[in-house]
Amino acid sequence: MKTTHSLAAFTLFCMAAGAGHAQSWPSQPIHIIVPYAAGGGTDTTVRTIAPRVAEVLGQPVVVENRPGGATIIATEAVYRAEPDGYTVAATAAPFVLNAALGVETPYDPLTDFAPVIRMVDLPFCVLVNVDNPATTFPELLDWARAQGEPMLYASAGIGSMPHLWMESFALENDLQVEHVGYRGSAPALLDVIAGNIDVMIEGVTPGCLRGATGEVRVLGLVWDERSPLLPDVPTLSEVGFESRIAAATFAIVAPSGTDPEIVGRLNAAFQEALDDADVQESLAAQGLLPAGGTPEDLAAFFASEVEFWSGVVEQAGISPE
């Protein structure tokens, strides 16, 4: 009985300590680990939102860049961090796509993290070299089918979201395509502008904005509504093609085991930042669409993404680099 009483007392002590920690949180800076170098899309997004989050929480928010390893290095660091709410990860598409591609990681994105909030989406577009005869997305498909060979298209690399989206679209529409993967979107875009390849799937920024300069022609948006930065570019559904919408989605996750109350307070702070007019103006200039929502919303999104893109990977026979 003495042992039982001691165990019960210890359990109550731990519960009280946990509750006290949640009530006093935050009492020190919050660190956001970004899996890319400074200046990239994920980094810029976090640095746009972080100052307002810091104001809401009353503590500094420190952005740390840990690039490399297909985002695994940074994500693993957060996976192994103390679940105290002071270290969180910024995630991008590889967070779920690594799982869909069967990339070996020391963590499971669906079970080893506490989803906090979906921050923003950067929709993709389909663009072509200006010498391509297609001026609309349907015309591009007609041109592609008339070639008698698979349509070459460029993306930021094997296993990237643009790559998987085009393979998904091709499977759904009986379109023959061949992927040309680059190490990043910048060299791919340059090859399209130079006319070395005709078609590319790219984010609204920076690639799709090249349409305004006449360097490329933007034919359609892979999203459910038009982009404010590309008001004259129709969505694919507007021109008769229903497909999976796709974007570079940036989110925040914490280590599994983080107190739900702390997760809720993190979520509320990021949501308040996303609702801020100045933050929204800065995000809009980058082509980013504020998302927000609950931790449960983000968990459902992650699960849906892994399930859908795993199916595409299997059907298209895609292997990671």
C-alpha atoms as a PDB file:
ATOM      1  CA  MET A   1       0.000   0.000   0.000  1.00  0.00           C
ATOM      2  CA  LYS A   2       2.865   2.327   0.800  1.00  0.00           C
ATOM      3  CA  THR A   3       4.257   1.832  -2.717  1.00  0.00           C
ATOM      4  CA  THR A   4       0.836   2.498  -4.250  1.00  0.00           C
ATOM      5  CA  HIS A   5       0.421   5.672  -2.218  1.00  0.00           C
ATOM      6  CA  SER A   6       3.891   6.846  -3.226  1.00  0.00           C
ATOM      7  CA  LEU A   7       3.160   6.238  -6.891  1.00  0.00           C
ATOM      8  CA  ALA A   8      -0.122   8.106  -6.674  1.00  0.00           C
ATOM      9  CA  ALA A   9       1.560  11.005  -4.929  1.00  0.00           C
ATOM     10  CA  PHE A  10       4.302  11.116  -7.557  1.00  0.00           C
ATOM     11  CA  THR A  11       1.710  11.103 -10.355  1.00  0.00           C
ATOM     12  CA  LEU A  12      -0.171  13.988  -8.761  1.00  0.00           C
ATOM     13  CA  PHE A  13       3.100  15.867  -8.319  1.00  0.00           C
ATOM     14  CA  CYS A  14       3.942  15.446 -12.019  1.00  0.00           C
ATOM     15  CA  MET A  15       0.464  16.585 -13.040  1.00  0.00           C
ATOM     16  CA  ALA A  16       0.736  19.655 -10.841  1.00  0.00           C
ATOM     17  CA  ALA A  17       4.194  20.438 -12.148  1.00  0.00           C
ATOM     18  CA  GLY A  18       2.970  20.129 -15.729  1.00  0.00           C
ATOM     19  CA  ALA A  19       0.021  22.397 -15.057  1.00  0.00           C
ATOM     20  CA  GLY A  20       2.313  24.937 -13.407  1.00  0.00           C
ATOM     21  CA  HIS A  21       4.646  24.871 -16.405  1.00  0.00           C
ATOM     22  CA  ALA A  22       1.785  25.521 -18.801  1.00  0.00           C
ATOM     23  CA  GLN A  23       0.532  28.412 -16.668  1.00  0.00           C
ATOM     24  CA  SER A  24       3.957  30.072 -16.527  1.00  0.00           C
ATOM     25  CA  TRP A  25       4.715  29.515 -20.224  1.00  0.00           C
ATOM     26  CA  PRO A  26       6.328  31.356 -21.927  1.00  0.00           C
ATOM     27  CA  SER A  27       9.071  32.521 -19.602  1.00  0.00           C
ATOM     28  CA  GLN A  28      11.923  32.461 -22.127  1.00  0.00           C
ATOM     29  CA  PRO A  29      12.475  32.925 -25.890  1.00  0.00           C
ATOM     30  CA  ILE A  30      10.759  30.612 -28.383  1.00  0.00           C
ATOM     31  CA  HIS A  31      12.999  29.149 -31.074  1.00  0.00           C
ATOM     32  CA  ILE A  32      11.641  28.401 -34.561  1.00  0.00           C
ATOM     33  CA  ILE A  33      13.907  26.024 -36.466  1.00  0.00           C
ATOM     34  CA  VAL A  34      13.730  26.624 -40.222  1.00  0.00           C
ATOM     35  CA  PRO A  35      14.959  23.766 -42.475  1.00  0.00           C
ATOM     36  CA  TYR A  36      16.281  26.117 -45.168  1.00  0.00           C
ATOM     37  CA  ALA A  37      18.918  28.808 -45.500  1.00  0.00           C
ATOM     38  CA  ALA A  38      18.076  32.423 -44.764  1.00  0.00           C
ATOM     39  CA  GLY A  39      16.272  34.221 -47.562  1.00  0.00           C
ATOM     40  CA  GLY A  40      14.229  31.292 -48.851  1.00  0.00           C
ATOM     41  CA  GLY A  41      10.447  31.160 -48.935  1.00  0.00           C
ATOM     42  CA  THR A  42       9.992  29.336 -45.624  1.00  0.00           C
ATOM     43  CA  ASP A  43      12.517  31.561 -43.875  1.00  0.00           C
ATOM     44  CA  THR A  44      10.983  34.774 -45.224  1.00  0.00           C
ATOM     45  CA  THR A  45       7.516  33.653 -44.184  1.00  0.00           C
ATOM     46  CA  VAL A  46       8.600  32.867 -40.632  1.00  0.00           C
ATOM     47  CA  ARG A  47      10.504  36.132 -40.304  1.00  0.00           C
ATOM     48  CA  THR A  48       7.440  38.035 -41.509  1.00  0.00           C
ATOM     49  CA  ILE A  49       5.202  36.460 -38.876  1.00  0.00           C
ATOM     50  CA  ALA A  50       7.614  35.988 -35.951  1.00  0.00           C
ATOM     51  CA  PRO A  51       7.791  39.618 -34.717  1.00  0.00           C
ATOM     52  CA  ARG A  52       4.033  39.765 -34.230  1.00  0.00           C
ATOM     53  CA  VAL A  53       4.051  36.360 -32.492  1.00  0.00           C
ATOM     54  CA  ALA A  54       6.718  37.718 -30.139  1.00  0.00           C
ATOM     55  CA  GLU A  55       4.533  40.723 -29.325  1.00  0.00           C
ATOM     56  CA  VAL A  56       1.563  38.494 -28.560  1.00  0.00           C
ATOM     57  CA  LEU A  57       3.535  36.097 -26.347  1.00  0.00           C
ATOM     58  CA  GLY A  58       5.666  38.743 -24.670  1.00  0.00           C
ATOM     59  CA  GLN A  59       8.878  36.829 -25.365  1.00  0.00           C
ATOM     60  CA  PRO A  60      11.469  37.016 -28.168  1.00  0.00           C
ATOM     61  CA  VAL A  61      11.017  34.625 -31.072  1.00  0.00           C
ATOM     62  CA  VAL A  62      14.352  33.464 -32.437  1.00  0.00           C
ATOM     63  CA  VAL A  63      14.547  32.104 -35.989  1.00  0.00           C
ATOM     64  CA  GLU A  64      17.300  29.529 -36.499  1.00  0.00           C
ATOM     65  CA  ASN A  65      18.259  28.241 -39.953  1.00  0.00           C
ATOM     66  CA  ARG A  66      19.431  24.633 -40.202  1.00  0.00           C
ATOM     67  CA  PRO A  67      19.432  23.746 -43.896  1.00  0.00           C
ATOM     68  CA  GLY A  68      20.345  20.434 -45.467  1.00  0.00           C
ATOM     69  CA  GLY A  69      19.321  16.816 -45.581  1.00  0.00           C
ATOM     70  CA  ALA A  70      16.041  17.404 -47.453  1.00  0.00           C
ATOM     71  CA  THR A  71      14.806  19.295 -44.348  1.00  0.00           C
ATOM     72  CA  ILE A  72      15.474  16.240 -42.143  1.00  0.00           C
ATOM     73  CA  ILE A  73      18.332  17.839 -40.161  1.00  0.00           C
ATOM     74  CA  ALA A  74      16.206  20.678 -38.821  1.00  0.00           C
ATOM     75  CA  THR A  75      13.097  18.582 -38.343  1.00  0.00           C
ATOM     76  CA  GLU A  76      14.982  15.910 -36.419  1.00  0.00           C
ATOM     77  CA  ALA A  77      16.417  18.572 -34.116  1.00  0.00           C
ATOM     78  CA  VAL A  78      12.887  19.582 -33.133  1.00  0.00           C
ATOM     79  CA  TYR A  79      11.766  15.953 -32.900  1.00  0.00           C
ATOM     80  CA  ARG A  80      14.502  15.392 -30.287  1.00  0.00           C
ATOM     81  CA  ALA A  81      13.938  18.706 -28.464  1.00  0.00           C
ATOM     82  CA  GLU A  82      12.278  18.970 -25.072  1.00  0.00           C
ATOM     83  CA  PRO A  83       8.488  19.176 -25.514  1.00  0.00           C
ATOM     84  CA  ASP A  84       8.314  22.373 -23.502  1.00  0.00           C
ATOM     85  CA  GLY A  85       6.962  24.758 -26.131  1.00  0.00           C
ATOM     86  CA  TYR A  86      10.243  26.616 -26.538  1.00  0.00           C
ATOM     87  CA  THR A  87      11.449  24.842 -29.676  1.00  0.00           C
ATOM     88  CA  VAL A  88       9.196  24.409 -32.709  1.00  0.00           C
ATOM     89  CA  ALA A  89       9.751  23.609 -36.360  1.00  0.00           C
ATOM     90  CA  ALA A  90       8.702  25.444 -39.470  1.00  0.00           C
ATOM     91  CA  THR A  91       7.693  22.857 -42.039  1.00  0.00           C
ATOM     92  CA  ALA A  92       7.338  22.967 -45.811  1.00  0.00           C
ATOM     93  CA  ALA A  93       6.200  20.403 -48.383  1.00  0.00           C
ATOM     94  CA  PRO A  94       9.021  17.885 -47.703  1.00  0.00           C
ATOM     95  CA  PHE A  95       7.638  17.326 -44.206  1.00  0.00           C
ATOM     96  CA  VAL A  96       4.875  15.200 -45.729  1.00  0.00           C
ATOM     97  CA  LEU A  97       6.424  14.433 -49.116  1.00  0.00           C
ATOM     98  CA  ASN A  98       9.409  12.651 -47.569  1.00  0.00           C
ATOM     99  CA  ALA A  99       6.923  10.239 -46.032  1.00  0.00           C
ATOM    100  CA  ALA A 100       4.990   9.904 -49.295  1.00  0.00           C
ATOM    101  CA  LEU A 101       8.220   9.170 -51.174  1.00  0.00           C
ATOM    102  CA  GLY A 102       9.347   6.580 -48.655  1.00  0.00           C
ATOM    103  CA  VAL A 103      12.389   8.598 -47.572  1.00  0.00           C
ATOM    104  CA  GLU A 104      13.857   7.097 -44.407  1.00  0.00           C
ATOM    105  CA  THR A 105      13.630   9.545 -41.513  1.00  0.00           C
ATOM    106  CA  PRO A 106      14.155   9.081 -37.760  1.00  0.00           C
ATOM    107  CA  TYR A 107      10.648  10.379 -37.134  1.00  0.00           C
ATOM    108  CA  ASP A 108       7.089   9.924 -38.353  1.00  0.00           C
ATOM    109  CA  PRO A 109       5.552  13.278 -39.369  1.00  0.00           C
ATOM    110  CA  LEU A 110       2.072  12.102 -38.397  1.00  0.00           C
ATOM    111  CA  THR A 111       2.824  10.744 -34.915  1.00  0.00           C
ATOM    112  CA  ASP A 112       6.052  12.319 -33.654  1.00  0.00           C
ATOM    113  CA  PHE A 113       4.958  15.951 -33.663  1.00  0.00           C
ATOM    114  CA  ALA A 114       2.202  18.098 -32.215  1.00  0.00           C
ATOM    115  CA  PRO A 115       0.678  20.130 -35.060  1.00  0.00           C
ATOM    116  CA  VAL A 116       0.351  23.796 -34.137  1.00  0.00           C
ATOM    117  CA  ILE A 117      -0.918  25.788 -37.126  1.00  0.00           C
ATOM    118  CA  ARG A 118      -0.921  25.953 -40.892  1.00  0.00           C
ATOM    119  CA  MET A 119       0.604  29.345 -41.578  1.00  0.00           C
ATOM    120  CA  VAL A 120       0.408  30.089 -45.312  1.00  0.00           C
ATOM    121  CA  ASP A 121       0.038  28.599 -48.777  1.00  0.00           C
ATOM    122  CA  LEU A 122       1.988  29.587 -51.884  1.00  0.00           C
ATOM    123  CA  PRO A 123      -0.027  28.270 -54.850  1.00  0.00           C
ATOM    124  CA  PHE A 124       1.606  26.926 -57.997  1.00  0.00           C
ATOM    125  CA  CYS A 125       1.065  27.908 -61.597  1.00  0.00           C
ATOM    126  CA  VAL A 126       1.775  26.374 -64.994  1.00  0.00           C
ATOM    127  CA  LEU A 127       3.978  28.542 -67.176  1.00  0.00           C
ATOM    128  CA  VAL A 128       5.567  28.147 -70.600  1.00  0.00           C
ATOM    129  CA  ASN A 129       8.308  29.656 -72.691  1.00  0.00           C
ATOM    130  CA  VAL A 130       6.980  32.636 -74.638  1.00  0.00           C
ATOM    131  CA  ASP A 131       7.716  30.927 -77.964  1.00  0.00           C
ATOM    132  CA  ASN A 132       5.401  28.043 -77.141  1.00  0.00           C
ATOM    133  CA  PRO A 133       2.257  28.339 -79.299  1.00  0.00           C
ATOM    134  CA  ALA A 134      -0.107  27.742 -76.359  1.00  0.00           C
ATOM    135  CA  THR A 135      -1.767  30.829 -74.942  1.00  0.00           C
ATOM    136  CA  THR A 136      -4.191  28.930 -72.678  1.00  0.00           C
ATOM    137  CA  PHE A 137      -3.922  25.780 -70.585  1.00  0.00           C
ATOM    138  CA  PRO A 138      -6.244  23.756 -72.880  1.00  0.00           C
ATOM    139  CA  GLU A 139      -4.099  24.800 -75.843  1.00  0.00           C
ATOM    140  CA  LEU A 140      -1.023  23.557 -73.985  1.00  0.00           C
ATOM    141  CA  LEU A 141      -2.568  20.116 -73.591  1.00  0.00           C
ATOM    142  CA  ASP A 142      -3.560  20.055 -77.261  1.00  0.00           C
ATOM    143  CA  TRP A 143      -0.004  21.005 -78.202  1.00  0.00           C
ATOM    144  CA  ALA A 144       1.448  18.376 -75.869  1.00  0.00           C
ATOM    145  CA  ARG A 145      -0.709  15.596 -77.309  1.00  0.00           C
ATOM    146  CA  ALA A 146       0.172  16.600 -80.846  1.00  0.00           C
ATOM    147  CA  GLN A 147       3.903  16.173 -80.234  1.00  0.00           C
ATOM    148  CA  GLY A 148       3.844  12.399 -80.505  1.00  0.00           C
ATOM    149  CA  GLU A 149       6.171  12.102 -77.514  1.00  0.00           C
ATOM    150  CA  PRO A 150       5.986  12.921 -73.790  1.00  0.00           C
ATOM    151  CA  MET A 151       5.815  16.602 -72.898  1.00  0.00           C
ATOM    152  CA  LEU A 152       8.955  17.709 -71.075  1.00  0.00           C
ATOM    153  CA  TYR A 153       8.354  19.827 -67.999  1.00  0.00           C
ATOM    154  CA  ALA A 154      10.673  21.324 -65.403  1.00  0.00           C
ATOM    155  CA  SER A 155      10.406  21.530 -61.643  1.00  0.00           C
ATOM    156  CA  ALA A 156      12.568  22.335 -58.622  1.00  0.00           C
ATOM    157  CA  GLY A 157      13.580  18.686 -58.331  1.00  0.00           C
ATOM    158  CA  ILE A 158      12.602  15.040 -58.048  1.00  0.00           C
ATOM    159  CA  GLY A 159       9.999  14.583 -55.342  1.00  0.00           C
ATOM    160  CA  SER A 160       9.117  18.272 -55.155  1.00  0.00           C
ATOM    161  CA  MET A 161       5.460  19.231 -54.951  1.00  0.00           C
ATOM    162  CA  PRO A 162       5.414  20.604 -58.533  1.00  0.00           C
ATOM    163  CA  HIS A 163       6.857  17.299 -59.766  1.00  0.00           C
ATOM    164  CA  LEU A 164       4.260  15.195 -57.950  1.00  0.00           C
ATOM    165  CA  TRP A 165       1.421  17.503 -58.957  1.00  0.00           C
ATOM    166  CA  MET A 166       2.187  17.220 -62.672  1.00  0.00           C
ATOM    167  CA  GLU A 167       2.494  13.433 -62.408  1.00  0.00           C
ATOM    168  CA  SER A 168      -0.874  13.376 -60.651  1.00  0.00           C
ATOM    169  CA  PHE A 169      -2.456  15.567 -63.328  1.00  0.00           C
ATOM    170  CA  ALA A 170      -0.966  13.428 -66.097  1.00  0.00           C
ATOM    171  CA  LEU A 171      -2.354  10.242 -64.538  1.00  0.00           C
ATOM    172  CA  GLU A 172      -5.821  11.759 -64.216  1.00  0.00           C
ATOM    173  CA  ASN A 173      -5.878  13.136 -67.768  1.00  0.00           C
ATOM    174  CA  ASP A 174      -4.044  10.437 -69.743  1.00  0.00           C
ATOM    175  CA  LEU A 175      -1.247  12.854 -70.577  1.00  0.00           C
ATOM    176  CA  GLN A 176       2.240  11.646 -71.465  1.00  0.00           C
ATOM    177  CA  VAL A 177       4.872  13.695 -69.655  1.00  0.00           C
ATOM    178  CA  GLU A 178       8.558  13.474 -68.789  1.00  0.00           C
ATOM    179  CA  HIS A 179      10.004  15.217 -65.780  1.00  0.00           C
ATOM    180  CA  VAL A 180      13.202  17.253 -65.889  1.00  0.00           C
ATOM    181  CA  GLY A 181      14.311  17.883 -62.325  1.00  0.00           C
ATOM    182  CA  TYR A 182      16.633  20.716 -61.352  1.00  0.00           C
ATOM    183  CA  ARG A 183      18.360  21.553 -58.100  1.00  0.00           C
ATOM    184  CA  GLY A 184      16.019  24.367 -57.271  1.00  0.00           C
ATOM    185  CA  SER A 185      13.455  26.405 -59.142  1.00  0.00           C
ATOM    186  CA  ALA A 186      15.829  29.210 -60.185  1.00  0.00           C
ATOM    187  CA  PRO A 187      17.890  27.176 -62.700  1.00  0.00           C
ATOM    188  CA  ALA A 188      14.735  25.494 -63.986  1.00  0.00           C
ATOM    189  CA  LEU A 189      13.099  28.869 -64.609  1.00  0.00           C
ATOM    190  CA  LEU A 190      16.175  30.152 -66.407  1.00  0.00           C
ATOM    191  CA  ASP A 191      16.077  27.165 -68.771  1.00  0.00           C
ATOM    192  CA  VAL A 192      12.417  27.823 -69.534  1.00  0.00           C
ATOM    193  CA  ILE A 193      13.104  31.490 -70.211  1.00  0.00           C
ATOM    194  CA  ALA A 194      16.001  30.483 -72.467  1.00  0.00           C
ATOM    195  CA  GLY A 195      13.742  28.110 -74.403  1.00  0.00           C
ATOM    196  CA  ASN A 196      15.622  24.939 -73.451  1.00  0.00           C
ATOM    197  CA  ILE A 197      12.421  23.496 -72.039  1.00  0.00           C
ATOM    198  CA  ASP A 198       8.849  24.609 -72.656  1.00  0.00           C
ATOM    199  CA  VAL A 199       6.841  23.955 -69.499  1.00  0.00           C
ATOM    200  CA  MET A 200       7.328  24.464 -65.780  1.00  0.00           C
ATOM    201  CA  ILE A 201       5.298  24.156 -62.584  1.00  0.00           C
ATOM    202  CA  GLU A 202       6.326  26.971 -60.241  1.00  0.00           C
ATOM    203  CA  GLY A 203       5.186  29.062 -57.292  1.00  0.00           C
ATOM    204  CA  VAL A 204       3.295  32.313 -57.754  1.00  0.00           C
ATOM    205  CA  THR A 205       6.457  33.996 -56.515  1.00  0.00           C
ATOM    206  CA  PRO A 206       8.942  34.435 -57.875  1.00  0.00           C
ATOM    207  CA  GLY A 207       8.467  32.472 -61.099  1.00  0.00           C
ATOM    208  CA  CYS A 208       4.891  33.202 -62.073  1.00  0.00           C
ATOM    209  CA  LEU A 209       5.394  36.949 -61.682  1.00  0.00           C
ATOM    210  CA  ARG A 210       7.811  36.737 -64.606  1.00  0.00           C
ATOM    211  CA  GLY A 211       4.685  36.638 -66.747  1.00  0.00           C
ATOM    212  CA  ALA A 212       4.222  40.360 -66.123  1.00  0.00           C
ATOM    213  CA  THR A 213       7.686  41.045 -67.550  1.00  0.00           C
ATOM    214  CA  GLY A 214       7.041  39.001 -70.676  1.00  0.00           C
ATOM    215  CA  GLU A 215       9.802  36.500 -69.856  1.00  0.00           C
ATOM    216  CA  VAL A 216       7.315  33.618 -69.589  1.00  0.00           C
ATOM    217  CA  ARG A 217       3.624  33.044 -70.248  1.00  0.00           C
ATOM    218  CA  VAL A 218       1.495  31.941 -67.282  1.00  0.00           C
ATOM    219  CA  LEU A 219      -1.406  29.706 -68.338  1.00  0.00           C
ATOM    220  CA  GLY A 220      -3.156  28.607 -65.185  1.00  0.00           C
ATOM    221  CA  LEU A 221      -3.161  28.532 -61.403  1.00  0.00           C
ATOM    222  CA  VAL A 222      -3.149  25.213 -59.525  1.00  0.00           C
ATOM    223  CA  TRP A 223      -5.454  26.528 -56.811  1.00  0.00           C
ATOM    224  CA  ASP A 224      -9.149  26.959 -56.036  1.00  0.00           C
ATOM    225  CA  GLU A 225      -9.189  30.728 -56.517  1.00  0.00           C
ATOM    226  CA  ARG A 226      -7.206  33.328 -58.417  1.00  0.00           C
ATOM    227  CA  SER A 227      -4.129  34.922 -56.916  1.00  0.00           C
ATOM    228  CA  PRO A 228      -4.345  38.640 -56.092  1.00  0.00           C
ATOM    229  CA  LEU A 229      -0.920  38.996 -57.731  1.00  0.00           C
ATOM    230  CA  LEU A 230      -2.140  37.270 -60.913  1.00  0.00           C
ATOM    231  CA  PRO A 231      -5.731  38.458 -61.283  1.00  0.00           C
ATOM    232  CA  ASP A 232      -5.849  37.713 -65.018  1.00  0.00           C
ATOM    233  CA  VAL A 233      -4.617  34.115 -64.687  1.00  0.00           C
ATOM    234  CA  PRO A 234      -7.497  31.620 -64.398  1.00  0.00           C
ATOM    235  CA  THR A 235      -7.482  28.623 -62.124  1.00  0.00           C
ATOM    236  CA  LEU A 236      -7.397  25.270 -63.889  1.00  0.00           C
ATOM    237  CA  SER A 237     -10.946  24.557 -62.739  1.00  0.00           C
ATOM    238  CA  GLU A 238     -12.094  27.736 -64.493  1.00  0.00           C
ATOM    239  CA  VAL A 239     -10.877  26.322 -67.805  1.00  0.00           C
ATOM    240  CA  GLY A 240     -12.457  22.922 -67.245  1.00  0.00           C
ATOM    241  CA  PHE A 241      -9.837  20.850 -65.419  1.00  0.00           C
ATOM    242  CA  GLU A 242     -10.503  19.539 -61.943  1.00  0.00           C
ATOM    243  CA  SER A 243      -7.272  18.510 -60.248  1.00  0.00           C
ATOM    244  CA  ARG A 244      -5.695  18.363 -56.838  1.00  0.00           C
ATOM    245  CA  ILE A 245      -4.876  21.905 -55.762  1.00  0.00           C
ATOM    246  CA  ALA A 246      -1.263  22.259 -54.720  1.00  0.00           C
ATOM    247  CA  ALA A 247       0.899  24.789 -52.969  1.00  0.00           C
ATOM    248  CA  ALA A 248       4.022  25.216 -50.947  1.00  0.00           C
ATOM    249  CA  THR A 249       2.443  25.056 -47.500  1.00  0.00           C
ATOM    250  CA  PHE A 250       4.361  26.348 -44.501  1.00  0.00           C
ATOM    251  CA  ALA A 251       3.288  25.238 -41.026  1.00  0.00           C
ATOM    252  CA  ILE A 252       4.450  25.081 -37.415  1.00  0.00           C
ATOM    253  CA  VAL A 253       4.812  21.890 -35.372  1.00  0.00           C
ATOM    254  CA  ALA A 254       6.105  21.169 -31.882  1.00  0.00           C
ATOM    255  CA  PRO A 255       7.638  17.993 -30.464  1.00  0.00           C
ATOM    256  CA  SER A 256       5.183  15.263 -29.576  1.00  0.00           C
ATOM    257  CA  GLY A 257       4.242  15.423 -25.913  1.00  0.00           C
ATOM    258  CA  THR A 258       4.044  19.205 -25.774  1.00  0.00           C
ATOM    259  CA  ASP A 259       1.331  20.227 -23.329  1.00  0.00           C
ATOM    260  CA  PRO A 260      -1.932  20.763 -25.267  1.00  0.00           C
ATOM    261  CA  GLU A 261      -2.470  24.041 -23.413  1.00  0.00           C
ATOM    262  CA  ILE A 262       0.882  25.333 -24.671  1.00  0.00           C
ATOM    263  CA  VAL A 263       0.070  24.121 -28.194  1.00  0.00           C
ATOM    264  CA  GLY A 264      -3.193  26.019 -27.957  1.00  0.00           C
ATOM    265  CA  ARG A 265      -1.453  29.205 -26.858  1.00  0.00           C
ATOM    266  CA  LEU A 266       1.091  28.887 -29.663  1.00  0.00           C
ATOM    267  CA  ASN A 267      -1.753  28.382 -32.104  1.00  0.00           C
ATOM    268  CA  ALA A 268      -3.586  31.455 -30.807  1.00  0.00           C
ATOM    269  CA  ALA A 269      -0.438  33.608 -31.030  1.00  0.00           C
ATOM    270  CA  PHE A 270       0.276  32.579 -34.626  1.00  0.00           C
ATOM    271  CA  GLN A 271      -3.385  33.032 -35.557  1.00  0.00           C
ATOM    272  CA  GLU A 272      -3.367  36.547 -34.127  1.00  0.00           C
ATOM    273  CA  ALA A 273      -0.240  37.283 -36.153  1.00  0.00           C
ATOM    274  CA  LEU A 274      -1.847  35.937 -39.334  1.00  0.00           C
ATOM    275  CA  ASP A 275      -4.897  38.118 -38.699  1.00  0.00           C
ATOM    276  CA  ASP A 276      -2.760  41.253 -38.322  1.00  0.00           C
ATOM    277  CA  ALA A 277      -3.310  43.687 -41.206  1.00  0.00           C
ATOM    278  CA  ASP A 278       0.376  44.603 -41.548  1.00  0.00           C
ATOM    279  CA  VAL A 279       1.425  40.945 -41.573  1.00  0.00           C
ATOM    280  CA  GLN A 280      -1.213  40.153 -44.179  1.00  0.00           C
ATOM    281  CA  GLU A 281       0.007  43.003 -46.365  1.00  0.00           C
ATOM    282  CA  SER A 282       3.592  41.704 -46.185  1.00  0.00           C
ATOM    283  CA  LEU A 283       2.505  38.150 -46.943  1.00  0.00           C
ATOM    284  CA  ALA A 284       0.346  39.260 -49.859  1.00  0.00           C
ATOM    285  CA  ALA A 285       3.308  41.010 -51.462  1.00  0.00           C
ATOM    286  CA  GLN A 286       5.071  37.626 -51.435  1.00  0.00           C
ATOM    287  CA  GLY A 287       2.108  35.854 -53.007  1.00  0.00           C
ATOM    288  CA  LEU A 288       1.391  34.043 -49.736  1.00  0.00           C
ATOM    289  CA  LEU A 289      -2.154  33.264 -48.632  1.00  0.00           C
ATOM    290  CA  PRO A 290      -2.738  33.167 -44.847  1.00  0.00           C
ATOM    291  CA  ALA A 291      -4.227  29.842 -43.789  1.00  0.00           C
ATOM    292  CA  GLY A 292      -4.536  29.487 -40.012  1.00  0.00           C
ATOM    293  CA  GLY A 293      -6.939  27.112 -38.315  1.00  0.00           C
ATOM    294  CA  THR A 294      -6.692  24.716 -35.402  1.00  0.00           C
ATOM    295  CA  PRO A 295      -4.042  22.106 -34.590  1.00  0.00           C
ATOM    296  CA  GLU A 296      -6.647  19.505 -35.509  1.00  0.00           C
ATOM    297  CA  ASP A 297      -7.058  21.132 -38.925  1.00  0.00           C
ATOM    298  CA  LEU A 298      -3.315  20.865 -39.525  1.00  0.00           C
ATOM    299  CA  ALA A 299      -3.209  17.240 -38.377  1.00  0.00           C
ATOM    300  CA  ALA A 300      -5.977  16.373 -40.852  1.00  0.00           C
ATOM    301  CA  PHE A 301      -4.163  18.247 -43.619  1.00  0.00           C
ATOM    302  CA  PHE A 302      -0.915  16.372 -42.995  1.00  0.00           C
ATOM    303  CA  ALA A 303      -2.696  13.007 -43.016  1.00  0.00           C
ATOM    304  CA  SER A 304      -4.530  13.833 -46.241  1.00  0.00           C
ATOM    305  CA  GLU A 305      -1.337  14.983 -47.952  1.00  0.00           C
ATOM    306  CA  VAL A 306       0.623  11.857 -47.024  1.00  0.00           C
ATOM    307  CA  GLU A 307      -2.206   9.594 -48.160  1.00  0.00           C
ATOM    308  CA  PHE A 308      -2.809  11.347 -51.493  1.00  0.00           C
ATOM    309  CA  TRP A 309       0.788  11.858 -52.562  1.00  0.00           C
ATOM    310  CA  SER A 310       1.777   8.342 -51.481  1.00  0.00           C
ATOM    311  CA  GLY A 311      -0.773   7.087 -53.989  1.00  0.00           C
ATOM    312  CA  VAL A 312       0.662   9.300 -56.731  1.00  0.00           C
ATOM    313  CA  VAL A 313       4.204   8.135 -55.957  1.00  0.00           C
ATOM    314  CA  GLU A 314       3.118   4.517 -56.212  1.00  0.00           C
ATOM    315  CA  GLN A 315       1.099   4.935 -59.407  1.00  0.00           C
ATOM    316  CA  ALA A 316       3.770   6.988 -61.175  1.00  0.00           C
ATOM    317  CA  GLY A 317       6.640   4.847 -59.935  1.00  0.00           C
ATOM    318  CA  ILE A 318       8.554   7.787 -58.469  1.00  0.00           C
ATOM    319  CA  SER A 319      11.683   7.169 -56.422  1.00  0.00           C
ATOM    320  CA  PRO A 320      13.471   9.807 -54.302  1.00  0.00           C
ATOM    321  CA  GLU A 321      16.923  10.955 -55.357  1.00  0.00           C
END
